[in-house]
Amino acid sequence: MEKIVSKISQIRRHLESLLDNDFEPGSRREKDHLKTKFEISRDISLIRGISAGLPEDHLDRIVILFSRMSLFFDAGVMLENQDGRWTAQATFEKGHAEALKKQSKTAIKLPHVEVLSVLRTPASSLLRKLQLSFLDPEDHLQCLLIKISGDFSFLLLSALPDLWLKEHIAQIKSALQNGIAD
């Protein structure tokens, strides 16, 4: 048990360090201002750039991929697998990613899916279980579950209509595949 707690603490510090360096726009007021102006990008050239310049370290690669997803979705949650139970480690909302400051005691079970498979569901029930309902206060977002590796999955939340979402996720999945394969 002590080994698991130590590993979780190490991962949290690592996440905070990487996300703080990439996303430190300044004061809380400035962060709130950035969130109000946010609009997701569907620019194919930016999507293709998701996998550019990724580090060799597995954890660094996952964290950077997750932070880059913040440009293309309304909100997201990075989940880590701990003996078949998935716990939230980081979130992003309207372009701003951050590691969760306090360890969530809430863990959920996810269906078995292959790496880079995409499952869709309404976001509200999953977010409620994870105690992250603030990411979808109006209960209108779709949740896309993408398993990135055996130990990490992303919940990507989007308000895009189905017509655009299908093509958007196909492009994202292709870019992620390139990032994971490198």
Foldseek 3Di string as FASTA:
>chain_A
DVVVVVVLVVLLVVLQVVQCVVFPPDDPVVVVVLLVPFDADLPLVLLLCLQPPQDPDPSSLVSSSQLSCLRHFQKKFKWFDDPQWTATQKMHHRNHIHGDPDGQPQTHGDDDDDALDKDKDQCQVVCVSNVNNVRPVPSQWMWIWGHHDPTIIMTGTHNDPPVVVVVSSVSNSVSSVSNSVD
